[in-house]
Amino acid sequence: MYSTQFCPYCVAARRLFDHYKLDYDDVAVDAQPDLRQQMMQESGRNTVPQIWIGDTHIGGCDELYSLHDNGKLDNFLYPST
């Protein structure tokens, strides 16, 4: 996940990941124009957070919570083998 420290959407995404007790990479783009540029190239978006689960770009916090609210987040977190 690309994020900034105080963005309320980033905080909410972290809170949901913590609720699931997930380990996740949190790449801070605060004052890091090179990392923000990398995020924009990879996601095609300029807002934070930008979230990937595995190789799948989920999008931002709204998309993450939409998956959670619709019961579909578990499919990304725990894919069947």
PDB file of N, CA and C in Angstrom:
ATOM      1  N   MET A   1       0.848  -1.163   0.000  1.00  0.00           N
ATOM      2  CA  MET A   1       0.000   0.000   0.000  1.00  0.00           C
ATOM      3  C   MET A   1       0.895   1.227   0.000  1.00  0.00           C
ATOM      4  N   TYR A   2       0.595   2.142  -0.903  1.00  0.00           N
ATOM      5  CA  TYR A   2       1.209   3.459  -0.870  1.00  0.00           C
ATOM      6  C   TYR A   2       0.299   4.354  -0.039  1.00  0.00           C
ATOM      7  N   SER A   3       0.899   5.141   0.843  1.00  0.00           N
ATOM      8  CA  SER A   3       0.083   5.961   1.727  1.00  0.00           C
ATOM      9  C   SER A   3       0.858   7.184   2.192  1.00  0.00           C
ATOM     10  N   THR A   4       0.147   8.023   2.935  1.00  0.00           N
ATOM     11  CA  THR A   4       0.781   9.097   3.688  1.00  0.00           C
ATOM     12  C   THR A   4       0.404   8.903   5.150  1.00  0.00           C
ATOM     13  N   GLN A   5       1.164   9.527   6.012  1.00  0.00           N
ATOM     14  CA  GLN A   5       1.003   9.267   7.440  1.00  0.00           C
ATOM     15  C   GLN A   5      -0.346   9.713   7.991  1.00  0.00           C
ATOM     16  N   PHE A   6      -0.801  10.901   7.612  1.00  0.00           N
ATOM     17  CA  PHE A   6      -1.978  11.462   8.277  1.00  0.00           C
ATOM     18  C   PHE A   6      -3.250  11.452   7.430  1.00  0.00           C
ATOM     19  N   CYS A   7      -3.192  10.932   6.240  1.00  0.00           N
ATOM     20  CA  CYS A   7      -4.381  10.846   5.391  1.00  0.00           C
ATOM     21  C   CYS A   7      -5.431   9.980   6.099  1.00  0.00           C
ATOM     22  N   PRO A   8      -6.660  10.501   6.288  1.00  0.00           N
ATOM     23  CA  PRO A   8      -7.671   9.709   6.998  1.00  0.00           C
ATOM     24  C   PRO A   8      -8.049   8.424   6.268  1.00  0.00           C
ATOM     25  N   TYR A   9      -7.967   8.426   4.950  1.00  0.00           N
ATOM     26  CA  TYR A   9      -8.272   7.207   4.194  1.00  0.00           C
ATOM     27  C   TYR A   9      -7.166   6.170   4.375  1.00  0.00           C
ATOM     28  N   CYS A  10      -5.930   6.634   4.467  1.00  0.00           N
ATOM     29  CA  CYS A  10      -4.814   5.722   4.719  1.00  0.00           C
ATOM     30  C   CYS A  10      -4.936   5.117   6.116  1.00  0.00           C
ATOM     31  N   VAL A  11      -5.293   5.944   7.077  1.00  0.00           N
ATOM     32  CA  VAL A  11      -5.486   5.468   8.452  1.00  0.00           C
ATOM     33  C   VAL A  11      -6.599   4.419   8.487  1.00  0.00           C
ATOM     34  N   ALA A  12      -7.686   4.666   7.773  1.00  0.00           N
ATOM     35  CA  ALA A  12      -8.805   3.713   7.743  1.00  0.00           C
ATOM     36  C   ALA A  12      -8.390   2.397   7.085  1.00  0.00           C
ATOM     37  N   ALA A  13      -7.606   2.462   6.024  1.00  0.00           N
ATOM     38  CA  ALA A  13      -7.136   1.238   5.369  1.00  0.00           C
ATOM     39  C   ALA A  13      -6.239   0.449   6.311  1.00  0.00           C
ATOM     40  N   ARG A  14      -5.327   1.144   6.987  1.00  0.00           N
ATOM     41  CA  ARG A  14      -4.466   0.465   7.962  1.00  0.00           C
ATOM     42  C   ARG A  14      -5.300  -0.191   9.058  1.00  0.00           C
ATOM     43  N   ARG A  15      -6.332   0.515   9.512  1.00  0.00           N
ATOM     44  CA  ARG A  15      -7.193  -0.011  10.564  1.00  0.00           C
ATOM     45  C   ARG A  15      -7.857  -1.325  10.110  1.00  0.00           C
ATOM     46  N   LEU A  16      -8.315  -1.369   8.875  1.00  0.00           N
ATOM     47  CA  LEU A  16      -8.950  -2.598   8.385  1.00  0.00           C
ATOM     48  C   LEU A  16      -7.924  -3.722   8.273  1.00  0.00           C
ATOM     49  N   PHE A  17      -6.731  -3.428   7.756  1.00  0.00           N
ATOM     50  CA  PHE A  17      -5.689  -4.457   7.685  1.00  0.00           C
ATOM     51  C   PHE A  17      -5.312  -4.941   9.082  1.00  0.00           C
ATOM     52  N   ASP A  18      -5.229  -4.017  10.032  1.00  0.00           N
ATOM     53  CA  ASP A  18      -4.916  -4.411  11.410  1.00  0.00           C
ATOM     54  C   ASP A  18      -6.037  -5.264  12.004  1.00  0.00           C
ATOM     55  N   HIS A  19      -7.290  -4.945  11.670  1.00  0.00           N
ATOM     56  CA  HIS A  19      -8.429  -5.749  12.124  1.00  0.00           C
ATOM     57  C   HIS A  19      -8.282  -7.197  11.658  1.00  0.00           C
ATOM     58  N   TYR A  20      -7.812  -7.368  10.426  1.00  0.00           N
ATOM     59  CA  TYR A  20      -7.589  -8.702   9.874  1.00  0.00           C
ATOM     60  C   TYR A  20      -6.282  -9.312  10.365  1.00  0.00           C
ATOM     61  N   LYS A  21      -5.501  -8.530  11.139  1.00  0.00           N
ATOM     62  CA  LYS A  21      -4.197  -8.978  11.642  1.00  0.00           C
ATOM     63  C   LYS A  21      -3.264  -9.371  10.497  1.00  0.00           C
ATOM     64  N   LEU A  22      -3.253  -8.535   9.465  1.00  0.00           N
ATOM     65  CA  LEU A  22      -2.431  -8.793   8.294  1.00  0.00           C
ATOM     66  C   LEU A  22      -1.088  -8.089   8.396  1.00  0.00           C
ATOM     67  N   ASP A  23      -0.074  -8.732   7.888  1.00  0.00           N
ATOM     68  CA  ASP A  23       1.190  -8.059   7.655  1.00  0.00           C
ATOM     69  C   ASP A  23       1.072  -7.394   6.295  1.00  0.00           C
ATOM     70  N   TYR A  24       1.506  -6.155   6.194  1.00  0.00           N
ATOM     71  CA  TYR A  24       1.409  -5.452   4.919  1.00  0.00           C
ATOM     72  C   TYR A  24       2.541  -4.459   4.804  1.00  0.00           C
ATOM     73  N   ASP A  25       2.921  -4.193   3.584  1.00  0.00           N
ATOM     74  CA  ASP A  25       3.930  -3.182   3.304  1.00  0.00           C
ATOM     75  C   ASP A  25       3.221  -1.851   3.166  1.00  0.00           C
ATOM     76  N   ASP A  26       3.707  -0.871   3.883  1.00  0.00           N
ATOM     77  CA  ASP A  26       3.139   0.472   3.855  1.00  0.00           C
ATOM     78  C   ASP A  26       4.234   1.417   3.375  1.00  0.00           C
ATOM     79  N   VAL A  27       4.150   1.810   2.124  1.00  0.00           N
ATOM     80  CA  VAL A  27       5.163   2.660   1.511  1.00  0.00           C
ATOM     81  C   VAL A  27       4.714   4.110   1.629  1.00  0.00           C
ATOM     82  N   ALA A  28       5.400   4.846   2.484  1.00  0.00           N
ATOM     83  CA  ALA A  28       5.042   6.239   2.731  1.00  0.00           C
ATOM     84  C   ALA A  28       5.555   7.120   1.599  1.00  0.00           C
ATOM     85  N   VAL A  29       4.655   7.875   1.007  1.00  0.00           N
ATOM     86  CA  VAL A  29       5.040   8.784  -0.076  1.00  0.00           C
ATOM     87  C   VAL A  29       5.099  10.234   0.396  1.00  0.00           C
ATOM     88  N   ASP A  30       4.950  10.456   1.713  1.00  0.00           N
ATOM     89  CA  ASP A  30       5.081  11.800   2.276  1.00  0.00           C
ATOM     90  C   ASP A  30       6.449  12.362   1.883  1.00  0.00           C
ATOM     91  N   ALA A  31       6.455  13.522   1.260  1.00  0.00           N
ATOM     92  CA  ALA A  31       7.708  14.201   0.915  1.00  0.00           C
ATOM     93  C   ALA A  31       8.663  13.298   0.138  1.00  0.00           C
ATOM     94  N   GLN A  32       8.122  12.353  -0.602  1.00  0.00           N
ATOM     95  CA  GLN A  32       8.919  11.431  -1.411  1.00  0.00           C
ATOM     96  C   GLN A  32       8.411  11.472  -2.850  1.00  0.00           C
ATOM     97  N   PRO A  33       8.752  12.527  -3.600  1.00  0.00           N
ATOM     98  CA  PRO A  33       8.196  12.659  -4.950  1.00  0.00           C
ATOM     99  C   PRO A  33       8.527  11.485  -5.865  1.00  0.00           C
ATOM    100  N   ASP A  34       9.676  10.858  -5.665  1.00  0.00           N
ATOM    101  CA  ASP A  34      10.020   9.707  -6.501  1.00  0.00           C
ATOM    102  C   ASP A  34       9.102   8.526  -6.225  1.00  0.00           C
ATOM    103  N   LEU A  35       8.781   8.296  -4.940  1.00  0.00           N
ATOM    104  CA  LEU A  35       7.866   7.201  -4.607  1.00  0.00           C
ATOM    105  C   LEU A  35       6.439   7.515  -5.042  1.00  0.00           C
ATOM    106  N   ARG A  36       6.033   8.773  -4.911  1.00  0.00           N
ATOM    107  CA  ARG A  36       4.698   9.156  -5.376  1.00  0.00           C
ATOM    108  C   ARG A  36       4.595   8.962  -6.887  1.00  0.00           C
ATOM    109  N   GLN A  37       5.642   9.316  -7.611  1.00  0.00           N
ATOM    110  CA  GLN A  37       5.660   9.123  -9.065  1.00  0.00           C
ATOM    111  C   GLN A  37       5.565   7.640  -9.402  1.00  0.00           C
ATOM    112  N   GLN A  38       6.298   6.812  -8.667  1.00  0.00           N
ATOM    113  CA  GLN A  38       6.230   5.360  -8.865  1.00  0.00           C
ATOM    114  C   GLN A  38       4.811   4.855  -8.629  1.00  0.00           C
ATOM    115  N   MET A  39       4.176   5.338  -7.554  1.00  0.00           N
ATOM    116  CA  MET A  39       2.805   4.953  -7.244  1.00  0.00           C
ATOM    117  C   MET A  39       1.874   5.320  -8.394  1.00  0.00           C
ATOM    118  N   MET A  40       2.030   6.528  -8.915  1.00  0.00           N
ATOM    119  CA  MET A  40       1.154   6.986  -9.995  1.00  0.00           C
ATOM    120  C   MET A  40       1.377   6.169 -11.263  1.00  0.00           C
ATOM    121  N   GLN A  41       2.614   5.805 -11.542  1.00  0.00           N
ATOM    122  CA  GLN A  41       2.881   4.980 -12.726  1.00  0.00           C
ATOM    123  C   GLN A  41       2.278   3.596 -12.569  1.00  0.00           C
ATOM    124  N   GLU A  42       2.387   3.022 -11.387  1.00  0.00           N
ATOM    125  CA  GLU A  42       1.884   1.669 -11.168  1.00  0.00           C
ATOM    126  C   GLU A  42       0.361   1.614 -11.090  1.00  0.00           C
ATOM    127  N   SER A  43      -0.253   2.650 -10.530  1.00  0.00           N
ATOM    128  CA  SER A  43      -1.697   2.605 -10.297  1.00  0.00           C
ATOM    129  C   SER A  43      -2.510   3.397 -11.314  1.00  0.00           C
ATOM    130  N   GLY A  44      -1.870   4.377 -11.956  1.00  0.00           N
ATOM    131  CA  GLY A  44      -2.608   5.265 -12.843  1.00  0.00           C
ATOM    132  C   GLY A  44      -3.424   6.290 -12.070  1.00  0.00           C
ATOM    133  N   ARG A  45      -3.175   6.420 -10.791  1.00  0.00           N
ATOM    134  CA  ARG A  45      -3.909   7.345  -9.928  1.00  0.00           C
ATOM    135  C   ARG A  45      -2.915   8.195  -9.138  1.00  0.00           C
ATOM    136  N   ASN A  46      -3.398   9.353  -8.661  1.00  0.00           N
ATOM    137  CA  ASN A  46      -2.503  10.227  -7.906  1.00  0.00           C
ATOM    138  C   ASN A  46      -2.943  10.426  -6.460  1.00  0.00           C
ATOM    139  N   THR A  47      -3.913   9.658  -6.012  1.00  0.00           N
ATOM    140  CA  THR A  47      -4.402   9.781  -4.636  1.00  0.00           C
ATOM    141  C   THR A  47      -3.912   8.616  -3.792  1.00  0.00           C
ATOM    142  N   VAL A  48      -3.869   8.851  -2.496  1.00  0.00           N
ATOM    143  CA  VAL A  48      -3.507   7.791  -1.554  1.00  0.00           C
ATOM    144  C   VAL A  48      -4.716   7.454  -0.699  1.00  0.00           C
ATOM    145  N   PRO A  49      -4.790   6.242  -0.224  1.00  0.00           N
ATOM    146  CA  PRO A  49      -3.860   5.148  -0.453  1.00  0.00           C
ATOM    147  C   PRO A  49      -4.105   4.483  -1.808  1.00  0.00           C
ATOM    148  N   GLN A  50      -3.106   3.810  -2.291  1.00  0.00           N
ATOM    149  CA  GLN A  50      -3.242   2.902  -3.419  1.00  0.00           C
ATOM    150  C   GLN A  50      -2.840   1.539  -2.899  1.00  0.00           C
ATOM    151  N   ILE A  51      -3.733   0.577  -3.068  1.00  0.00           N
ATOM    152  CA  ILE A  51      -3.618  -0.700  -2.381  1.00  0.00           C
ATOM    153  C   ILE A  51      -3.560  -1.848  -3.384  1.00  0.00           C
ATOM    154  N   TRP A  52      -2.622  -2.737  -3.142  1.00  0.00           N
ATOM    155  CA  TRP A  52      -2.526  -3.986  -3.880  1.00  0.00           C
ATOM    156  C   TRP A  52      -2.647  -5.124  -2.888  1.00  0.00           C
ATOM    157  N   ILE A  53      -3.328  -6.158  -3.303  1.00  0.00           N
ATOM    158  CA  ILE A  53      -3.304  -7.417  -2.556  1.00  0.00           C
ATOM    159  C   ILE A  53      -2.713  -8.436  -3.511  1.00  0.00           C
ATOM    160  N   GLY A  54      -1.526  -8.887  -3.160  1.00  0.00           N
ATOM    161  CA  GLY A  54      -0.765  -9.687  -4.105  1.00  0.00           C
ATOM    162  C   GLY A  54      -0.438  -8.823  -5.310  1.00  0.00           C
ATOM    163  N   ASP A  55      -0.725  -9.334  -6.489  1.00  0.00           N
ATOM    164  CA  ASP A  55      -0.477  -8.585  -7.720  1.00  0.00           C
ATOM    165  C   ASP A  55      -1.693  -7.803  -8.186  1.00  0.00           C
ATOM    166  N   THR A  56      -2.786  -7.860  -7.443  1.00  0.00           N
ATOM    167  CA  THR A  56      -4.032  -7.225  -7.858  1.00  0.00           C
ATOM    168  C   THR A  56      -4.162  -5.836  -7.250  1.00  0.00           C
ATOM    169  N   HIS A  57      -4.306  -4.842  -8.106  1.00  0.00           N
ATOM    170  CA  HIS A  57      -4.521  -3.474  -7.640  1.00  0.00           C
ATOM    171  C   HIS A  57      -5.979  -3.352  -7.230  1.00  0.00           C
ATOM    172  N   ILE A  58      -6.195  -3.090  -5.950  1.00  0.00           N
ATOM    173  CA  ILE A  58      -7.539  -2.962  -5.400  1.00  0.00           C
ATOM    174  C   ILE A  58      -8.085  -1.567  -5.663  1.00  0.00           C
ATOM    175  N   GLY A  59      -7.217  -0.577  -5.576  1.00  0.00           N
ATOM    176  CA  GLY A  59      -7.620   0.815  -5.707  1.00  0.00           C
ATOM    177  C   GLY A  59      -7.354   1.526  -4.394  1.00  0.00           C
ATOM    178  N   GLY A  60      -8.280   2.360  -3.985  1.00  0.00           N
ATOM    179  CA  GLY A  60      -8.116   3.134  -2.757  1.00  0.00           C
ATOM    180  C   GLY A  60      -8.912   2.567  -1.603  1.00  0.00           C
ATOM    181  N   CYS A  61      -9.050   3.382  -0.589  1.00  0.00           N
ATOM    182  CA  CYS A  61      -9.746   2.972   0.633  1.00  0.00           C
ATOM    183  C   CYS A  61     -11.208   2.638   0.368  1.00  0.00           C
ATOM    184  N   ASP A  62     -11.869   3.442  -0.468  1.00  0.00           N
ATOM    185  CA  ASP A  62     -13.286   3.169  -0.757  1.00  0.00           C
ATOM    186  C   ASP A  62     -13.465   1.805  -1.391  1.00  0.00           C
ATOM    187  N   GLU A  63     -12.592   1.451  -2.316  1.00  0.00           N
ATOM    188  CA  GLU A  63     -12.693   0.144  -2.969  1.00  0.00           C
ATOM    189  C   GLU A  63     -12.392  -0.977  -1.981  1.00  0.00           C
ATOM    190  N   LEU A  64     -11.412  -0.751  -1.104  1.00  0.00           N
ATOM    191  CA  LEU A  64     -11.076  -1.750  -0.086  1.00  0.00           C
ATOM    192  C   LEU A  64     -12.269  -2.015   0.824  1.00  0.00           C
ATOM    193  N   TYR A  65     -12.882  -0.951   1.309  1.00  0.00           N
ATOM    194  CA  TYR A  65     -14.028  -1.128   2.207  1.00  0.00           C
ATOM    195  C   TYR A  65     -15.245  -1.669   1.474  1.00  0.00           C
ATOM    196  N   SER A  66     -15.395  -1.351   0.209  1.00  0.00           N
ATOM    197  CA  SER A  66     -16.492  -1.916  -0.575  1.00  0.00           C
ATOM    198  C   SER A  66     -16.340  -3.438  -0.673  1.00  0.00           C
ATOM    199  N   LEU A  67     -15.114  -3.898  -0.934  1.00  0.00           N
ATOM    200  CA  LEU A  67     -14.876  -5.344  -0.960  1.00  0.00           C
ATOM    201  C   LEU A  67     -15.204  -5.959   0.396  1.00  0.00           C
ATOM    202  N   HIS A  68     -14.780  -5.295   1.448  1.00  0.00           N
ATOM    203  CA  HIS A  68     -15.053  -5.790   2.803  1.00  0.00           C
ATOM    204  C   HIS A  68     -16.560  -5.834   3.070  1.00  0.00           C
ATOM    205  N   ASP A  69     -17.248  -4.739   2.775  1.00  0.00           N
ATOM    206  CA  ASP A  69     -18.688  -4.651   3.055  1.00  0.00           C
ATOM    207  C   ASP A  69     -19.500  -5.652   2.251  1.00  0.00           C
ATOM    208  N   ASN A  70     -19.009  -5.998   1.058  1.00  0.00           N
ATOM    209  CA  ASN A  70     -19.722  -6.942   0.199  1.00  0.00           C
ATOM    210  C   ASN A  70     -19.278  -8.386   0.404  1.00  0.00           C
ATOM    211  N   GLY A  71     -18.419  -8.612   1.402  1.00  0.00           N
ATOM    212  CA  GLY A  71     -17.977  -9.971   1.699  1.00  0.00           C
ATOM    213  C   GLY A  71     -17.008 -10.540   0.693  1.00  0.00           C
ATOM    214  N   LYS A  72     -16.390  -9.697  -0.114  1.00  0.00           N
ATOM    215  CA  LYS A  72     -15.489 -10.184  -1.160  1.00  0.00           C
ATOM    216  C   LYS A  72     -14.013 -10.024  -0.814  1.00  0.00           C
ATOM    217  N   LEU A  73     -13.706  -9.322   0.258  1.00  0.00           N
ATOM    218  CA  LEU A  73     -12.309  -9.103   0.597  1.00  0.00           C
ATOM    219  C   LEU A  73     -11.603 -10.401   0.943  1.00  0.00           C
ATOM    220  N   ASP A  74     -12.299 -11.294   1.622  1.00  0.00           N
ATOM    221  CA  ASP A  74     -11.699 -12.584   1.976  1.00  0.00           C
ATOM    222  C   ASP A  74     -11.229 -13.347   0.744  1.00  0.00           C
ATOM    223  N   ASN A  75     -11.919 -13.187  -0.394  1.00  0.00           N
ATOM    224  CA  ASN A  75     -11.502 -13.861  -1.624  1.00  0.00           C
ATOM    225  C   ASN A  75     -10.114 -13.412  -2.058  1.00  0.00           C
ATOM    226  N   PHE A  76      -9.779 -12.151  -1.802  1.00  0.00           N
ATOM    227  CA  PHE A  76      -8.459 -11.635  -2.147  1.00  0.00           C
ATOM    228  C   PHE A  76      -7.427 -12.020  -1.096  1.00  0.00           C
ATOM    229  N   LEU A  77      -7.842 -11.989   0.165  1.00  0.00           N
ATOM    230  CA  LEU A  77      -6.903 -12.256   1.250  1.00  0.00           C
ATOM    231  C   LEU A  77      -6.593 -13.743   1.399  1.00  0.00           C
ATOM    232  N   TYR A  78      -7.588 -14.575   1.150  1.00  0.00           N
ATOM    233  CA  TYR A  78      -7.424 -16.013   1.347  1.00  0.00           C
ATOM    234  C   TYR A  78      -7.909 -16.757   0.105  1.00  0.00           C
ATOM    235  N   PRO A  79      -7.176 -16.615  -1.007  1.00  0.00           N
ATOM    236  CA  PRO A  79      -7.628 -17.286  -2.237  1.00  0.00           C
ATOM    237  C   PRO A  79      -7.610 -18.805  -2.071  1.00  0.00           C
ATOM    238  N   SER A  80      -8.571 -19.443  -2.686  1.00  0.00           N
ATOM    239  CA  SER A  80      -8.629 -20.904  -2.613  1.00  0.00           C
ATOM    240  C   SER A  80      -7.468 -21.473  -3.427  1.00  0.00           C
ATOM    241  N   THR A  81      -6.975 -22.571  -2.985  1.00  0.00           N
ATOM    242  CA  THR A  81      -5.839 -23.185  -3.664  1.00  0.00           C
ATOM    243  C   THR A  81      -6.261 -24.401  -4.417  1.00  0.00           C
TER     244      THR A  81
END
